[in-house]
Amino acid sequence: GLSQVHLYMKMRLSLLLTVSLASAYSLGNGASPVQKVISMLQDMRAKGVQMKQEEQVSFAAYKQFCEDTSAEKKSNIEDANGQIETLQADIQKAESDAAMLAKDIAELDDEIATAQHDKSEAIRIRESEKGDFGKKHKDLSETIDALDRALVVLKQQDFDRAQAESLLQEVSVLARVPTKQKNVLAAFLATDDEVTSFQPGVAKGYEFQSGGIVEMLTDLKEKFEDERRHLEKDEVGSEHAFELMCMDLDQTVERATKARTAKASTKAARRSEERRVGKECRSRWS
């Protein structure tokens, strides 16, 4: 634009100089050469006018281009600012979602850890209970077996006294036999064999006492058998309750693990979206 203006000014200055020269030349050399100069100058003037018009047209077009470009850039900037605001809102939403998912995942981790700890504790308690049950059941079974063997001998019509006393001695030292019954057995076992053999009526007295012993031992046997049945029933109930608890805890772990996996996947996707949107936002700023 400026270069063309300068050119136009130079042409006008050249035109003035040429007219002055032409006038001087016409004065000294006649009209014919002057007419030629004037014709040349008229051509130059016409070209100058044409150039000016072309310059004006070009300038108008350039001005319109600048105005259109400015409006377009302004519109693009406004659009970009609006998109940046939207992207920033998307980033904040992604960050908020990721933070909430992280909190949910932490809670699920706690739930899983608690369920696993509870199951381990339940297994430990169940093993301890099984151990106690085994010891009690064995003790009761041994006691019942000793009582049963003693009763089999004592219930015979003509029992072997030595064998009976040996079995009763075994019963008298059993831990589960109450002290009162132990004292009765001790008194019965203290009967003097020689007195029984040589004094009339003593043997019958011994047999009478053995009848009382049989009744006492029978009551004890029934008591211990009933205790053993209750012990077995309780063991079955405890084992069933344990199995139900483990099943429930396993389901809790399975459910929480699935939920954690899903939330972790969603969190990773939201973080990836956050990075992608952030990158796009930065590219629009640059």
C-alpha atoms as a PDB file:
ATOM      1  CA  GLY A   1       0.000   0.000   0.000  1.00  0.00           C
ATOM      2  CA  LEU A   2       2.694   2.556   1.053  1.00  0.00           C
ATOM      3  CA  SER A   3       5.049   1.573  -1.773  1.00  0.00           C
ATOM      4  CA  GLN A   4       2.336   2.251  -4.312  1.00  0.00           C
ATOM      5  CA  VAL A   5       1.561   5.641  -2.736  1.00  0.00           C
ATOM      6  CA  HIS A   6       5.264   6.559  -2.945  1.00  0.00           C
ATOM      7  CA  LEU A   7       5.324   5.481  -6.602  1.00  0.00           C
ATOM      8  CA  TYR A   8       2.283   7.597  -7.310  1.00  0.00           C
ATOM      9  CA  MET A   9       3.933  10.667  -5.706  1.00  0.00           C
ATOM     10  CA  LYS A  10       7.102  10.143  -7.730  1.00  0.00           C
ATOM     11  CA  MET A  11       5.067   9.908 -10.934  1.00  0.00           C
ATOM     12  CA  ARG A  12       3.322  13.204 -10.183  1.00  0.00           C
ATOM     13  CA  LEU A  13       6.641  14.897  -9.476  1.00  0.00           C
ATOM     14  CA  SER A  14       8.048  13.464 -12.689  1.00  0.00           C
ATOM     15  CA  LEU A  15       4.987  14.717 -14.551  1.00  0.00           C
ATOM     16  CA  LEU A  16       5.475  18.275 -13.270  1.00  0.00           C
ATOM     17  CA  LEU A  17       9.127  18.250 -14.246  1.00  0.00           C
ATOM     18  CA  THR A  18       8.255  16.930 -17.676  1.00  0.00           C
ATOM     19  CA  VAL A  19       5.591  19.659 -18.207  1.00  0.00           C
ATOM     20  CA  SER A  20       8.089  22.308 -17.227  1.00  0.00           C
ATOM     21  CA  LEU A  21      10.661  20.902 -19.623  1.00  0.00           C
ATOM     22  CA  ALA A  22       8.071  20.557 -22.349  1.00  0.00           C
ATOM     23  CA  SER A  23       7.025  24.191 -21.966  1.00  0.00           C
ATOM     24  CA  ALA A  24      10.614  25.325 -22.190  1.00  0.00           C
ATOM     25  CA  TYR A  25      11.242  23.116 -25.145  1.00  0.00           C
ATOM     26  CA  SER A  26       8.103  24.362 -26.968  1.00  0.00           C
ATOM     27  CA  LEU A  27       9.226  27.930 -26.573  1.00  0.00           C
ATOM     28  CA  GLY A  28      12.501  27.187 -28.221  1.00  0.00           C
ATOM     29  CA  ASN A  29      11.662  24.523 -30.787  1.00  0.00           C
ATOM     30  CA  GLY A  30       8.123  25.076 -32.010  1.00  0.00           C
ATOM     31  CA  ALA A  31       4.763  23.309 -31.395  1.00  0.00           C
ATOM     32  CA  SER A  32       5.211  19.895 -32.895  1.00  0.00           C
ATOM     33  CA  PRO A  33       7.505  18.357 -30.241  1.00  0.00           C
ATOM     34  CA  VAL A  34       5.433  19.932 -27.509  1.00  0.00           C
ATOM     35  CA  GLN A  35       2.372  18.201 -28.736  1.00  0.00           C
ATOM     36  CA  LYS A  36       4.236  14.943 -28.521  1.00  0.00           C
ATOM     37  CA  VAL A  37       5.285  15.683 -24.937  1.00  0.00           C
ATOM     38  CA  ILE A  38       1.773  16.703 -24.015  1.00  0.00           C
ATOM     39  CA  SER A  39       0.438  13.468 -25.481  1.00  0.00           C
ATOM     40  CA  MET A  40       3.027  11.526 -23.506  1.00  0.00           C
ATOM     41  CA  LEU A  41       2.088  13.352 -20.352  1.00  0.00           C
ATOM     42  CA  GLN A  42      -1.564  12.711 -20.921  1.00  0.00           C
ATOM     43  CA  ASP A  43      -0.785   9.014 -21.221  1.00  0.00           C
ATOM     44  CA  MET A  44       1.210   9.162 -18.033  1.00  0.00           C
ATOM     45  CA  ARG A  45      -1.626  10.979 -16.293  1.00  0.00           C
ATOM     46  CA  ALA A  46      -4.120   8.395 -17.472  1.00  0.00           C
ATOM     47  CA  LYS A  47      -1.866   5.630 -16.210  1.00  0.00           C
ATOM     48  CA  GLY A  48      -1.472   7.416 -12.895  1.00  0.00           C
ATOM     49  CA  VAL A  49      -5.218   7.803 -12.534  1.00  0.00           C
ATOM     50  CA  GLN A  50      -5.680   4.132 -13.387  1.00  0.00           C
ATOM     51  CA  MET A  51      -3.036   3.138 -10.876  1.00  0.00           C
ATOM     52  CA  LYS A  52      -4.657   5.293  -8.233  1.00  0.00           C
ATOM     53  CA  GLN A  53      -8.008   3.691  -8.904  1.00  0.00           C
ATOM     54  CA  GLU A  54      -6.465   0.241  -8.770  1.00  0.00           C
ATOM     55  CA  GLU A  55      -4.725   1.190  -5.536  1.00  0.00           C
ATOM     56  CA  GLN A  56      -8.000   2.366  -4.054  1.00  0.00           C
ATOM     57  CA  VAL A  57      -9.704  -0.852  -5.120  1.00  0.00           C
ATOM     58  CA  SER A  58      -6.845  -2.931  -3.686  1.00  0.00           C
ATOM     59  CA  PHE A  59      -6.864  -0.925  -0.473  1.00  0.00           C
ATOM     60  CA  ALA A  60     -10.631  -1.302  -0.132  1.00  0.00           C
ATOM     61  CA  ALA A  61     -10.312  -5.036  -0.701  1.00  0.00           C
ATOM     62  CA  TYR A  62      -7.453  -5.294   1.806  1.00  0.00           C
ATOM     63  CA  LYS A  63      -9.412  -3.226   4.315  1.00  0.00           C
ATOM     64  CA  GLN A  64     -12.413  -5.528   3.876  1.00  0.00           C
ATOM     65  CA  PHE A  65     -10.126  -8.545   4.247  1.00  0.00           C
ATOM     66  CA  CYS A  66      -8.719  -7.140   7.469  1.00  0.00           C
ATOM     67  CA  GLU A  67     -12.193  -6.423   8.819  1.00  0.00           C
ATOM     68  CA  ASP A  68     -13.444  -9.875   7.851  1.00  0.00           C
ATOM     69  CA  THR A  69     -10.337 -11.549   9.262  1.00  0.00           C
ATOM     70  CA  SER A  70     -10.609  -9.554  12.503  1.00  0.00           C
ATOM     71  CA  ALA A  71     -14.263 -10.536  12.900  1.00  0.00           C
ATOM     72  CA  GLU A  72     -13.437 -14.163  12.137  1.00  0.00           C
ATOM     73  CA  LYS A  73     -10.537 -14.214  14.618  1.00  0.00           C
ATOM     74  CA  LYS A  74     -12.710 -12.577  17.251  1.00  0.00           C
ATOM     75  CA  SER A  75     -15.408 -15.181  16.664  1.00  0.00           C
ATOM     76  CA  ASN A  76     -12.818 -17.971  16.774  1.00  0.00           C
ATOM     77  CA  ILE A  77     -11.404 -16.618  20.039  1.00  0.00           C
ATOM     78  CA  GLU A  78     -14.867 -16.444  21.562  1.00  0.00           C
ATOM     79  CA  ASP A  79     -15.585 -20.001  20.395  1.00  0.00           C
ATOM     80  CA  ALA A  80     -12.227 -21.189  21.739  1.00  0.00           C
ATOM     81  CA  ASN A  81     -12.853 -19.499  25.103  1.00  0.00           C
ATOM     82  CA  GLY A  82     -16.249 -21.171  25.287  1.00  0.00           C
ATOM     83  CA  GLN A  83     -14.724 -24.542  24.444  1.00  0.00           C
ATOM     84  CA  ILE A  84     -11.972 -24.011  27.000  1.00  0.00           C
ATOM     85  CA  GLU A  85     -14.565 -23.288  29.692  1.00  0.00           C
ATOM     86  CA  THR A  86     -16.394 -26.456  28.696  1.00  0.00           C
ATOM     87  CA  LEU A  87     -13.158 -28.460  28.756  1.00  0.00           C
ATOM     88  CA  GLN A  88     -12.232 -27.036  32.160  1.00  0.00           C
ATOM     89  CA  ALA A  89     -15.674 -28.015  33.452  1.00  0.00           C
ATOM     90  CA  ASP A  90     -15.122 -31.506  32.030  1.00  0.00           C
ATOM     91  CA  ILE A  91     -11.744 -31.695  33.775  1.00  0.00           C
ATOM     92  CA  GLN A  92     -13.270 -30.667  37.114  1.00  0.00           C
ATOM     93  CA  LYS A  93     -16.053 -33.231  36.655  1.00  0.00           C
ATOM     94  CA  ALA A  94     -13.513 -35.949  35.824  1.00  0.00           C
ATOM     95  CA  GLU A  95     -11.420 -35.006  38.881  1.00  0.00           C
ATOM     96  CA  SER A  96     -14.502 -35.052  41.111  1.00  0.00           C
ATOM     97  CA  ASP A  97     -15.618 -38.423  39.739  1.00  0.00           C
ATOM     98  CA  ALA A  98     -12.125 -39.876  40.178  1.00  0.00           C
ATOM     99  CA  ALA A  99     -11.941 -38.601  43.772  1.00  0.00           C
ATOM    100  CA  MET A 100     -15.352 -40.082  44.600  1.00  0.00           C
ATOM    101  CA  LEU A 101     -14.391 -43.389  42.988  1.00  0.00           C
ATOM    102  CA  ALA A 102     -11.131 -43.413  44.969  1.00  0.00           C
ATOM    103  CA  LYS A 103     -13.141 -42.984  48.175  1.00  0.00           C
ATOM    104  CA  ASP A 104     -15.505 -45.803  47.193  1.00  0.00           C
ATOM    105  CA  ILE A 105     -12.553 -48.057  46.344  1.00  0.00           C
ATOM    106  CA  ALA A 106     -10.938 -47.333  49.735  1.00  0.00           C
ATOM    107  CA  GLU A 107     -14.203 -48.241  51.495  1.00  0.00           C
ATOM    108  CA  LEU A 108     -14.458 -51.466  49.480  1.00  0.00           C
ATOM    109  CA  ASP A 109     -10.845 -52.289  50.355  1.00  0.00           C
ATOM    110  CA  ASP A 110     -11.720 -51.865  54.035  1.00  0.00           C
ATOM    111  CA  GLU A 111     -14.817 -54.043  53.610  1.00  0.00           C
ATOM    112  CA  ILE A 112     -12.798 -56.767  51.885  1.00  0.00           C
ATOM    113  CA  ALA A 113     -10.032 -56.618  54.498  1.00  0.00           C
ATOM    114  CA  THR A 114     -12.585 -56.755  57.336  1.00  0.00           C
ATOM    115  CA  ALA A 115     -14.390 -59.741  55.800  1.00  0.00           C
ATOM    116  CA  GLN A 116     -11.112 -61.589  55.261  1.00  0.00           C
ATOM    117  CA  HIS A 117     -10.008 -60.837  58.838  1.00  0.00           C
ATOM    118  CA  ASP A 118     -13.371 -61.977  60.203  1.00  0.00           C
ATOM    119  CA  LYS A 119     -13.112 -65.220  58.249  1.00  0.00           C
ATOM    120  CA  SER A 120      -9.575 -65.854  59.515  1.00  0.00           C
ATOM    121  CA  GLU A 121     -10.744 -65.187  63.066  1.00  0.00           C
ATOM    122  CA  ALA A 122     -13.772 -67.460  62.589  1.00  0.00           C
ATOM    123  CA  ILE A 123     -11.494 -70.240  61.320  1.00  0.00           C
ATOM    124  CA  ARG A 124      -9.196 -69.792  64.320  1.00  0.00           C
ATOM    125  CA  ILE A 125     -12.115 -69.950  66.763  1.00  0.00           C
ATOM    126  CA  ARG A 126     -13.649 -72.940  64.946  1.00  0.00           C
ATOM    127  CA  GLU A 127     -10.368 -74.852  65.106  1.00  0.00           C
ATOM    128  CA  SER A 128     -10.126 -74.091  68.816  1.00  0.00           C
ATOM    129  CA  GLU A 129     -13.718 -75.235  69.334  1.00  0.00           C
ATOM    130  CA  LYS A 130     -13.041 -78.423  67.401  1.00  0.00           C
ATOM    131  CA  GLY A 131     -10.029 -79.093  69.602  1.00  0.00           C
ATOM    132  CA  ASP A 132     -12.077 -78.581  72.777  1.00  0.00           C
ATOM    133  CA  PHE A 133     -14.873 -80.731  71.389  1.00  0.00           C
ATOM    134  CA  GLY A 134     -12.445 -83.523  70.535  1.00  0.00           C
ATOM    135  CA  LYS A 135     -10.948 -83.540  74.021  1.00  0.00           C
ATOM    136  CA  LYS A 136     -14.344 -83.451  75.793  1.00  0.00           C
ATOM    137  CA  HIS A 137     -15.834 -86.049  73.497  1.00  0.00           C
ATOM    138  CA  LYS A 138     -12.872 -88.379  73.980  1.00  0.00           C
ATOM    139  CA  ASP A 139     -12.992 -87.905  77.769  1.00  0.00           C
ATOM    140  CA  LEU A 140     -16.736 -88.593  77.910  1.00  0.00           C
ATOM    141  CA  SER A 141     -16.436 -91.599  75.612  1.00  0.00           C
ATOM    142  CA  GLU A 142     -13.632 -93.096  77.714  1.00  0.00           C
ATOM    143  CA  THR A 143     -15.626 -92.482  80.902  1.00  0.00           C
ATOM    144  CA  ILE A 144     -18.774 -94.064  79.442  1.00  0.00           C
ATOM    145  CA  ASP A 145     -16.746 -97.031  78.176  1.00  0.00           C
ATOM    146  CA  ALA A 146     -15.201 -97.611  81.630  1.00  0.00           C
ATOM    147  CA  LEU A 147     -18.620 -97.401  83.304  1.00  0.00           C
ATOM    148  CA  ASP A 148     -20.129 -99.741  80.738  1.00  0.00           C
ATOM    149  CA  ARG A 149     -17.408-102.376  81.265  1.00  0.00           C
ATOM    150  CA  ALA A 150     -17.804-102.176  85.050  1.00  0.00           C
ATOM    151  CA  LEU A 151     -21.582-102.517  84.775  1.00  0.00           C
ATOM    152  CA  VAL A 152     -21.312-105.561  82.505  1.00  0.00           C
ATOM    153  CA  VAL A 153     -19.294-107.373  85.164  1.00  0.00           C
ATOM    154  CA  LEU A 154     -21.351-106.204  88.164  1.00  0.00           C
ATOM    155  CA  LYS A 155     -24.631-107.230  86.506  1.00  0.00           C
ATOM    156  CA  GLN A 156     -23.472-110.829  86.155  1.00  0.00           C
ATOM    157  CA  GLN A 157     -25.165-113.267  88.539  1.00  0.00           C
ATOM    158  CA  ASP A 158     -21.865-114.603  89.847  1.00  0.00           C
ATOM    159  CA  PHE A 159     -19.380-111.903  88.962  1.00  0.00           C
ATOM    160  CA  ASP A 160     -15.647-112.058  89.415  1.00  0.00           C
ATOM    161  CA  ARG A 161     -15.031-109.835  92.415  1.00  0.00           C
ATOM    162  CA  ALA A 162     -11.364-109.197  91.568  1.00  0.00           C
ATOM    163  CA  GLN A 163     -12.265-108.153  88.053  1.00  0.00           C
ATOM    164  CA  ALA A 164     -15.135-106.009  89.347  1.00  0.00           C
ATOM    165  CA  GLU A 165     -12.904-104.229  91.854  1.00  0.00           C
ATOM    166  CA  SER A 166     -10.259-103.633  89.180  1.00  0.00           C
ATOM    167  CA  LEU A 167     -12.853-102.010  86.915  1.00  0.00           C
ATOM    168  CA  LEU A 168     -14.317 -99.980  89.770  1.00  0.00           C
ATOM    169  CA  GLN A 169     -10.820 -98.803  90.693  1.00  0.00           C
ATOM    170  CA  GLU A 170     -10.424 -97.628  87.107  1.00  0.00           C
ATOM    171  CA  VAL A 171     -13.764 -95.765  87.331  1.00  0.00           C
ATOM    172  CA  SER A 172     -12.900 -94.160  90.669  1.00  0.00           C
ATOM    173  CA  VAL A 173      -9.918 -92.288  89.207  1.00  0.00           C
ATOM    174  CA  LEU A 174     -11.804 -90.885  86.198  1.00  0.00           C
ATOM    175  CA  ALA A 175     -11.787 -87.084  86.234  1.00  0.00           C
ATOM    176  CA  ARG A 176     -15.452 -86.765  85.294  1.00  0.00           C
ATOM    177  CA  VAL A 177     -16.744 -88.913  88.133  1.00  0.00           C
ATOM    178  CA  PRO A 178     -18.009 -86.588  90.915  1.00  0.00           C
ATOM    179  CA  THR A 179     -16.301 -86.629  94.314  1.00  0.00           C
ATOM    180  CA  LYS A 180     -19.368 -88.053  96.095  1.00  0.00           C
ATOM    181  CA  GLN A 181     -19.481 -91.090  93.809  1.00  0.00           C
ATOM    182  CA  LYS A 182     -15.729 -91.508  94.115  1.00  0.00           C
ATOM    183  CA  ASN A 183     -16.065 -91.675  97.899  1.00  0.00           C
ATOM    184  CA  VAL A 184     -18.802 -94.325  97.593  1.00  0.00           C
ATOM    185  CA  LEU A 185     -16.595 -96.401  95.318  1.00  0.00           C
ATOM    186  CA  ALA A 186     -13.651 -96.018  97.686  1.00  0.00           C
ATOM    187  CA  ALA A 187     -15.754 -97.243 100.619  1.00  0.00           C
ATOM    188  CA  PHE A 188     -17.029-100.169  98.581  1.00  0.00           C
ATOM    189  CA  LEU A 189     -13.539-101.136  97.475  1.00  0.00           C
ATOM    190  CA  ALA A 190     -12.305-100.999 101.076  1.00  0.00           C
ATOM    191  CA  THR A 191     -14.393-104.088 101.957  1.00  0.00           C
ATOM    192  CA  ASP A 192     -12.052-106.707 103.558  1.00  0.00           C
ATOM    193  CA  ASP A 193     -11.877-109.916 101.500  1.00  0.00           C
ATOM    194  CA  GLU A 194     -11.059-112.063 104.559  1.00  0.00           C
ATOM    195  CA  VAL A 195     -13.980-110.769 106.531  1.00  0.00           C
ATOM    196  CA  THR A 196     -16.236-111.485 103.576  1.00  0.00           C
ATOM    197  CA  SER A 197     -14.888-115.038 103.311  1.00  0.00           C
ATOM    198  CA  PHE A 198     -15.188-116.145 106.927  1.00  0.00           C
ATOM    199  CA  GLN A 199     -17.978-114.129 108.525  1.00  0.00           C
ATOM    200  CA  PRO A 200     -21.533-115.270 107.869  1.00  0.00           C
ATOM    201  CA  GLY A 201     -23.660-112.741 105.951  1.00  0.00           C
ATOM    202  CA  VAL A 202     -20.781-110.554 104.787  1.00  0.00           C
ATOM    203  CA  ALA A 203     -20.819-111.829 101.179  1.00  0.00           C
ATOM    204  CA  LYS A 204     -24.499-111.117 100.900  1.00  0.00           C
ATOM    205  CA  GLY A 205     -23.820-107.669 102.279  1.00  0.00           C
ATOM    206  CA  TYR A 206     -21.212-107.156  99.593  1.00  0.00           C
ATOM    207  CA  GLU A 207     -23.622-108.261  96.918  1.00  0.00           C
ATOM    208  CA  PHE A 208     -26.238-105.882  98.300  1.00  0.00           C
ATOM    209  CA  GLN A 209     -23.772-103.036  98.195  1.00  0.00           C
ATOM    210  CA  SER A 210     -22.807-103.939  94.622  1.00  0.00           C
ATOM    211  CA  GLY A 211     -26.462-103.546  93.664  1.00  0.00           C
ATOM    212  CA  GLY A 212     -26.337 -99.967  94.901  1.00  0.00           C
ATOM    213  CA  ILE A 213     -23.088 -99.458  93.001  1.00  0.00           C
ATOM    214  CA  VAL A 214     -24.724-100.715  89.807  1.00  0.00           C
ATOM    215  CA  GLU A 215     -27.573 -98.222  90.191  1.00  0.00           C
ATOM    216  CA  MET A 216     -25.116 -95.376  90.872  1.00  0.00           C
ATOM    217  CA  LEU A 217     -22.909 -96.272  87.917  1.00  0.00           C
ATOM    218  CA  THR A 218     -25.965 -96.619  85.644  1.00  0.00           C
ATOM    219  CA  ASP A 219     -27.094 -93.109  86.598  1.00  0.00           C
ATOM    220  CA  LEU A 220     -23.600 -91.780  85.918  1.00  0.00           C
ATOM    221  CA  LYS A 221     -23.462 -93.517  82.560  1.00  0.00           C
ATOM    222  CA  GLU A 222     -26.817 -92.076  81.511  1.00  0.00           C
ATOM    223  CA  LYS A 223     -25.731 -88.628  82.683  1.00  0.00           C
ATOM    224  CA  PHE A 224     -22.502 -88.753  80.666  1.00  0.00           C
ATOM    225  CA  GLU A 225     -24.269 -90.148  77.589  1.00  0.00           C
ATOM    226  CA  ASP A 226     -26.740 -87.288  77.753  1.00  0.00           C
ATOM    227  CA  GLU A 227     -23.856 -84.826  78.121  1.00  0.00           C
ATOM    228  CA  ARG A 228     -22.134 -86.370  75.121  1.00  0.00           C
ATOM    229  CA  ARG A 229     -25.279 -86.087  72.987  1.00  0.00           C
ATOM    230  CA  HIS A 230     -25.598 -82.401  73.867  1.00  0.00           C
ATOM    231  CA  LEU A 231     -21.902 -81.906  73.111  1.00  0.00           C
ATOM    232  CA  GLU A 232     -22.308 -83.520  69.666  1.00  0.00           C
ATOM    233  CA  LYS A 233     -25.446 -81.500  68.970  1.00  0.00           C
ATOM    234  CA  ASP A 234     -23.675 -78.275  69.881  1.00  0.00           C
ATOM    235  CA  GLU A 235     -20.740 -79.235  67.655  1.00  0.00           C
ATOM    236  CA  VAL A 236     -23.037 -79.813  64.687  1.00  0.00           C
ATOM    237  CA  GLY A 237     -24.708 -76.449  65.318  1.00  0.00           C
ATOM    238  CA  SER A 238     -21.374 -74.655  65.661  1.00  0.00           C
ATOM    239  CA  GLU A 239     -20.057 -76.238  62.460  1.00  0.00           C
ATOM    240  CA  HIS A 240     -23.212 -75.253  60.570  1.00  0.00           C
ATOM    241  CA  ALA A 241     -23.064 -71.687  61.874  1.00  0.00           C
ATOM    242  CA  PHE A 242     -19.386 -71.530  60.918  1.00  0.00           C
ATOM    243  CA  GLU A 243     -20.094 -72.712  57.373  1.00  0.00           C
ATOM    244  CA  LEU A 244     -22.891 -70.143  56.968  1.00  0.00           C
ATOM    245  CA  MET A 245     -20.628 -67.369  58.281  1.00  0.00           C
ATOM    246  CA  CYS A 246     -17.819 -68.319  55.897  1.00  0.00           C
ATOM    247  CA  MET A 247     -20.259 -68.474  52.998  1.00  0.00           C
ATOM    248  CA  ASP A 248     -21.577 -65.001  53.849  1.00  0.00           C
ATOM    249  CA  LEU A 249     -18.062 -63.590  54.230  1.00  0.00           C
ATOM    250  CA  ASP A 250     -16.970 -65.169  50.944  1.00  0.00           C
ATOM    251  CA  GLN A 251     -19.959 -63.614  49.197  1.00  0.00           C
ATOM    252  CA  THR A 252     -19.109 -60.261  50.745  1.00  0.00           C
ATOM    253  CA  VAL A 253     -15.529 -60.474  49.490  1.00  0.00           C
ATOM    254  CA  GLU A 254     -16.670 -61.590  46.039  1.00  0.00           C
ATOM    255  CA  ARG A 255     -19.262 -58.799  45.754  1.00  0.00           C
ATOM    256  CA  ALA A 256     -16.901 -56.120  47.064  1.00  0.00           C
ATOM    257  CA  THR A 257     -14.087 -57.336  44.805  1.00  0.00           C
ATOM    258  CA  LYS A 258     -16.299 -57.118  41.703  1.00  0.00           C
ATOM    259  CA  ALA A 259     -17.480 -53.661  42.708  1.00  0.00           C
ATOM    260  CA  ARG A 260     -13.892 -52.566  43.367  1.00  0.00           C
ATOM    261  CA  THR A 261     -12.724 -53.860  39.982  1.00  0.00           C
ATOM    262  CA  ALA A 262     -15.516 -52.001  38.198  1.00  0.00           C
ATOM    263  CA  LYS A 263     -14.882 -48.771  40.082  1.00  0.00           C
ATOM    264  CA  ALA A 264     -11.131 -49.023  39.543  1.00  0.00           C
ATOM    265  CA  SER A 265     -11.731 -49.428  35.804  1.00  0.00           C
ATOM    266  CA  THR A 266     -14.081 -46.441  35.762  1.00  0.00           C
ATOM    267  CA  LYS A 267     -11.602 -44.388  37.768  1.00  0.00           C
ATOM    268  CA  ALA A 268      -8.815 -45.198  35.305  1.00  0.00           C
ATOM    269  CA  ALA A 269     -11.084 -44.191  32.421  1.00  0.00           C
ATOM    270  CA  ARG A 270     -11.956 -40.900  34.122  1.00  0.00           C
ATOM    271  CA  ARG A 271      -8.271 -40.182  34.784  1.00  0.00           C
ATOM    272  CA  SER A 272      -7.490 -40.930  31.137  1.00  0.00           C
ATOM    273  CA  GLU A 273     -10.320 -38.641  30.055  1.00  0.00           C
ATOM    274  CA  GLU A 274      -9.030 -35.965  32.405  1.00  0.00           C
ATOM    275  CA  ARG A 275      -5.547 -36.126  30.844  1.00  0.00           C
ATOM    276  CA  ARG A 276      -6.955 -36.102  27.319  1.00  0.00           C
ATOM    277  CA  VAL A 277      -9.184 -33.099  27.978  1.00  0.00           C
ATOM    278  CA  GLY A 278      -6.342 -31.319  29.774  1.00  0.00           C
ATOM    279  CA  LYS A 279      -4.080 -31.833  26.780  1.00  0.00           C
ATOM    280  CA  GLU A 280      -6.774 -30.517  24.439  1.00  0.00           C
ATOM    281  CA  CYS A 281      -7.363 -27.535  26.698  1.00  0.00           C
ATOM    282  CA  ARG A 282      -3.643 -26.683  26.727  1.00  0.00           C
ATOM    283  CA  SER A 283      -3.459 -26.986  22.946  1.00  0.00           C
ATOM    284  CA  ARG A 284      -6.282 -24.444  22.596  1.00  0.00           C
ATOM    285  CA  TRP A 285      -4.497 -22.007  24.880  1.00  0.00           C
ATOM    286  CA  SER A 286      -1.219 -22.241  22.963  1.00  0.00           C
END
